[in-house]
Amino acid sequence: MTLSFINKRSSGFSLFEILAAVLVLALMIFSSYIFIPPKIAQSRDARRKSDLNRIKKALMEHYDVSGTFPETMNNCNLPLIVDKAVVLDRIPCDPSKKTPYFIEINLSENWFKAYTNLENLKDPDITYFRCQQGCGPECAYNYGVSSPNTKIDTCMPPPLLYACSPGGGGEGDCEQYDNPYLSECPQVFMEDPTCQNLCGDNRFRCKDSSGKHVPE
């Protein structure tokens, strides 16, 4: 007579398995909360940069065709047209707010400036364009583009410029200059009061001290 033994196992879950599943689910939710939103914000920032570059390209094409920039820009999602030619099929909107980008146009001086706000405040372009304290009207933005004949407005104070003073036969001094180009300084050091310790070399010394900073 053959006996068959059946190993019966409960079809339910143990308390340990339930707790493990809850822990994994909690970690997934926490990870998505921490990592996904910044990635989405960076994606929107990339879109903003691309949008402003598209606007810049379209405005330059408008200038090439007509010899001037448009007096005003249409609302976003509308085309930019010059002499019946479409230079931009749809003026882009901010990907989050769905509102137009801020665009300044100066017809008398033939320049334009376009601004937006990046969500990632650690974006290196904010530092590169000196927008840490804001850029544009009322310092309300932190990123922008402009026509080649001008620059976006920054609310940061002007950087301190240093250069190697003429000196004699000694080591020379690294001093602050208001206009180092007036003194024909061969190299200018921004925000660096050491001049990278190069002032002992005559090749890096300014021709004269006419552009040196005079303390008030």
Protein backbone atom coordinates (compact mmCIF):
# COMPACT_ATOMS: atom_id res chain seq x y z
CA MET A 1 0.00 0.00 0.00
CA THR A 2 1.48 3.28 -1.07
CA LEU A 3 1.05 6.27 1.18
CA SER A 4 1.16 9.70 -0.31
CA PHE A 5 2.11 12.59 1.91
CA ILE A 6 0.86 15.98 0.97
CA ASN A 7 2.81 18.97 2.26
CA LYS A 8 0.12 21.44 3.04
CA ARG A 9 1.14 25.11 3.13
CA SER A 10 -1.09 27.93 4.07
CA SER A 11 -2.17 29.98 1.07
CA GLY A 12 -2.04 33.24 3.09
CA PHE A 13 0.94 35.56 3.68
CA SER A 14 2.96 35.66 6.85
CA LEU A 15 3.23 38.86 8.87
CA PHE A 16 6.89 39.15 7.85
CA GLU A 17 6.02 38.98 4.13
CA ILE A 18 3.35 41.64 4.52
CA LEU A 19 5.73 43.96 6.38
CA ALA A 20 8.43 43.42 3.76
CA ALA A 21 6.02 44.26 0.95
CA VAL A 22 4.85 47.40 2.76
CA LEU A 23 8.47 48.47 3.31
CA VAL A 24 9.37 47.99 -0.36
CA LEU A 25 6.28 49.94 -1.43
CA ALA A 26 7.12 52.75 1.02
CA LEU A 27 10.68 52.94 -0.32
CA MET A 28 9.40 53.12 -3.90
CA ILE A 29 6.99 55.93 -3.03
CA PHE A 30 9.70 57.80 -1.09
CA SER A 31 12.19 57.42 -3.95
CA SER A 32 9.67 58.69 -6.49
CA TYR A 33 8.90 61.67 -4.26
CA ILE A 34 12.60 62.54 -3.87
CA PHE A 35 14.05 61.82 -7.31
CA ILE A 36 11.31 62.15 -9.92
CA PRO A 37 10.15 65.80 -9.33
CA PRO A 38 13.68 67.28 -9.74
CA LYS A 39 14.12 65.34 -12.98
CA ILE A 40 10.80 66.65 -14.27
CA ALA A 41 11.82 70.20 -13.29
CA GLN A 42 15.14 69.81 -15.12
CA SER A 43 13.24 68.62 -18.18
CA ARG A 44 11.04 71.71 -18.06
CA ASP A 45 14.14 73.90 -17.67
CA ALA A 46 15.68 72.31 -20.76
CA ARG A 47 12.46 73.11 -22.60
CA ARG A 48 12.62 76.75 -21.41
CA LYS A 49 16.18 77.14 -22.67
CA SER A 50 15.24 75.58 -25.99
CA ASP A 51 12.20 77.85 -26.26
CA LEU A 52 14.22 81.02 -25.69
CA ASN A 53 16.80 79.93 -28.24
CA ARG A 54 14.00 79.32 -30.77
CA ILE A 55 12.63 82.80 -30.06
CA LYS A 56 16.11 84.28 -30.45
CA LYS A 57 16.64 82.53 -33.78
CA ALA A 58 13.22 83.65 -35.03
CA LEU A 59 13.79 87.28 -34.03
CA MET A 60 17.16 87.30 -35.77
CA GLU A 61 15.51 85.89 -38.92
CA HIS A 62 12.87 88.62 -38.62
CA TYR A 63 15.67 91.20 -38.49
CA ASP A 64 17.45 89.67 -41.48
CA VAL A 65 14.27 89.87 -43.56
CA SER A 66 12.93 93.28 -42.49
CA GLY A 67 15.95 95.09 -41.06
CA THR A 68 14.22 95.48 -37.70
CA PHE A 69 12.66 93.49 -34.89
CA PRO A 70 8.86 93.31 -34.46
CA GLU A 71 7.30 96.11 -32.45
CA THR A 72 5.52 93.59 -30.27
CA MET A 73 5.43 89.83 -29.92
CA ASN A 74 2.23 87.87 -30.38
CA ASN A 75 0.89 85.80 -27.54
CA CYS A 76 2.34 82.33 -27.26
CA ASN A 77 0.94 79.61 -29.52
CA LEU A 78 0.54 82.17 -32.33
CA PRO A 79 2.94 82.42 -35.30
CA LEU A 80 5.59 85.09 -35.85
CA ILE A 81 5.28 86.38 -39.39
CA VAL A 82 7.33 88.91 -41.36
CA ASP A 83 6.46 89.92 -44.93
CA LYS A 84 4.05 86.96 -45.17
CA ALA A 85 6.88 84.59 -44.26
CA VAL A 86 6.46 82.49 -41.12
CA VAL A 87 9.71 82.64 -39.15
CA LEU A 88 8.23 80.82 -36.16
CA ASP A 89 5.14 78.68 -36.58
CA ARG A 90 4.19 78.88 -32.92
CA ILE A 91 5.65 81.19 -30.30
CA PRO A 92 6.35 78.87 -27.36
CA CYS A 93 4.78 79.17 -23.91
CA ASP A 94 6.34 78.36 -20.55
CA PRO A 95 5.89 74.58 -20.16
CA SER A 96 4.59 74.87 -16.61
CA LYS A 97 2.63 78.13 -16.42
CA LYS A 98 1.51 78.09 -20.07
CA THR A 99 2.15 81.84 -20.18
CA PRO A 100 4.28 83.89 -22.63
CA TYR A 101 7.96 84.45 -21.94
CA PHE A 102 8.95 88.01 -21.07
CA ILE A 103 10.51 89.68 -24.12
CA GLU A 104 11.94 93.21 -24.27
CA ILE A 105 12.41 94.80 -27.70
CA ASN A 106 14.16 98.14 -28.26
CA LEU A 107 13.59 99.31 -31.83
CA SER A 108 15.65 102.49 -31.54
CA GLU A 109 18.77 100.56 -30.55
CA ASN A 110 17.82 97.34 -32.35
CA TRP A 111 18.13 94.83 -29.54
CA PHE A 112 15.98 92.33 -27.71
CA LYS A 113 16.17 90.44 -24.42
CA ALA A 114 14.07 87.45 -23.41
CA TYR A 115 13.78 86.10 -19.87
CA THR A 116 12.42 83.17 -17.91
CA ASN A 117 12.81 81.47 -14.54
CA LEU A 118 14.52 78.11 -14.21
CA GLU A 119 13.19 75.84 -11.48
CA ASN A 120 16.57 74.29 -10.68
CA LEU A 121 18.25 77.10 -8.76
CA LYS A 122 21.57 75.21 -8.94
CA ASP A 123 21.60 75.29 -12.73
CA PRO A 124 25.13 76.41 -13.73
CA ASP A 125 23.75 78.82 -16.35
CA ILE A 126 22.27 80.95 -13.55
CA THR A 127 25.81 81.53 -12.25
CA TYR A 128 27.29 81.87 -15.74
CA PHE A 129 24.91 84.70 -16.62
CA ARG A 130 25.31 86.23 -13.13
CA CYS A 131 21.63 85.86 -12.31
CA GLN A 132 22.06 84.60 -8.74
CA GLN A 133 20.39 87.77 -7.46
CA GLY A 134 18.04 88.00 -10.41
CA CYS A 135 18.14 89.27 -13.97
CA GLY A 136 15.92 91.47 -16.09
CA PRO A 137 13.32 94.03 -14.97
CA GLU A 138 12.91 94.15 -11.19
CA CYS A 139 15.38 91.23 -10.92
CA ALA A 140 12.40 88.94 -11.53
CA TYR A 141 14.15 86.27 -13.64
CA ASN A 142 17.18 84.00 -13.44
CA TYR A 143 17.87 83.12 -17.07
CA GLY A 144 17.71 84.87 -20.42
CA VAL A 145 19.00 85.35 -23.95
CA SER A 146 19.58 88.46 -26.01
CA SER A 147 20.49 89.73 -29.44
CA PRO A 148 24.26 89.66 -30.15
CA ASN A 149 24.64 93.44 -29.74
CA THR A 150 23.62 93.48 -26.08
CA LYS A 151 23.51 91.38 -22.91
CA ILE A 152 20.78 90.44 -20.49
CA ASP A 153 20.59 92.69 -17.43
CA THR A 154 21.99 91.26 -14.22
CA CYS A 155 21.23 92.46 -10.71
CA MET A 156 24.60 91.28 -9.41
CA PRO A 157 27.13 94.02 -8.62
CA PRO A 158 29.96 94.33 -11.15
CA PRO A 159 32.74 91.80 -10.54
CA LEU A 160 35.96 92.99 -8.95
CA LEU A 161 38.77 93.03 -11.49
CA TYR A 162 42.40 92.51 -10.57
CA ALA A 163 45.60 92.82 -12.59
CA CYS A 164 49.34 92.95 -12.06
CA SER A 165 50.54 96.51 -11.48
CA PRO A 166 53.57 97.74 -13.48
CA GLY A 167 55.93 97.76 -10.51
CA GLY A 168 59.69 97.81 -10.74
CA GLY A 169 62.04 94.89 -10.74
CA GLY A 170 60.35 93.18 -7.80
CA GLU A 171 57.53 90.72 -7.65
CA GLY A 172 54.86 93.22 -8.67
CA ASP A 173 51.50 93.59 -6.96
CA CYS A 174 48.09 92.21 -7.75
CA GLU A 175 45.79 95.22 -7.45
CA GLN A 176 42.20 96.11 -8.16
CA TYR A 177 41.53 97.92 -11.44
CA ASP A 178 38.38 99.74 -12.49
CA ASN A 179 39.46 99.68 -16.13
CA PRO A 180 42.36 97.27 -16.68
CA TYR A 181 41.96 97.64 -20.45
CA LEU A 182 42.78 101.34 -20.16
CA SER A 183 46.09 100.32 -18.62
CA GLU A 184 46.67 97.71 -21.34
CA CYS A 185 46.85 94.90 -18.81
CA PRO A 186 47.70 91.68 -20.67
CA GLN A 187 45.55 89.56 -18.36
CA VAL A 188 42.63 90.36 -16.07
CA PHE A 189 41.70 88.22 -13.08
CA MET A 190 38.04 88.32 -12.07
CA GLU A 191 37.37 88.13 -8.34
CA ASP A 192 40.94 86.90 -7.76
CA PRO A 193 43.06 89.22 -5.56
CA THR A 194 46.07 86.89 -5.95
CA CYS A 195 46.25 87.15 -9.77
CA GLN A 196 47.15 83.46 -9.61
CA ASN A 197 50.55 84.56 -8.23
CA LEU A 198 51.68 85.54 -11.73
CA CYS A 199 52.68 89.13 -11.02
CA GLY A 200 56.34 88.23 -10.67
CA ASP A 201 56.40 87.67 -14.42
CA ASN A 202 56.78 90.87 -16.45
CA ARG A 203 54.59 89.41 -19.19
CA PHE A 204 51.50 89.75 -16.97
CA ARG A 205 52.09 93.32 -15.78
CA CYS A 206 49.99 96.26 -16.91
CA LYS A 207 51.55 99.01 -19.00
CA ASP A 208 50.60 101.75 -16.53
CA SER A 209 48.33 102.51 -13.55
CA SER A 210 45.82 104.78 -15.29
CA GLY A 211 42.96 102.30 -14.88
CA LYS A 212 43.73 101.34 -11.31
CA HIS A 213 40.96 101.47 -8.72
CA VAL A 214 41.03 104.58 -6.55
CA PRO A 215 39.43 104.02 -3.11
CA GLU A 216 36.70 106.50 -2.24
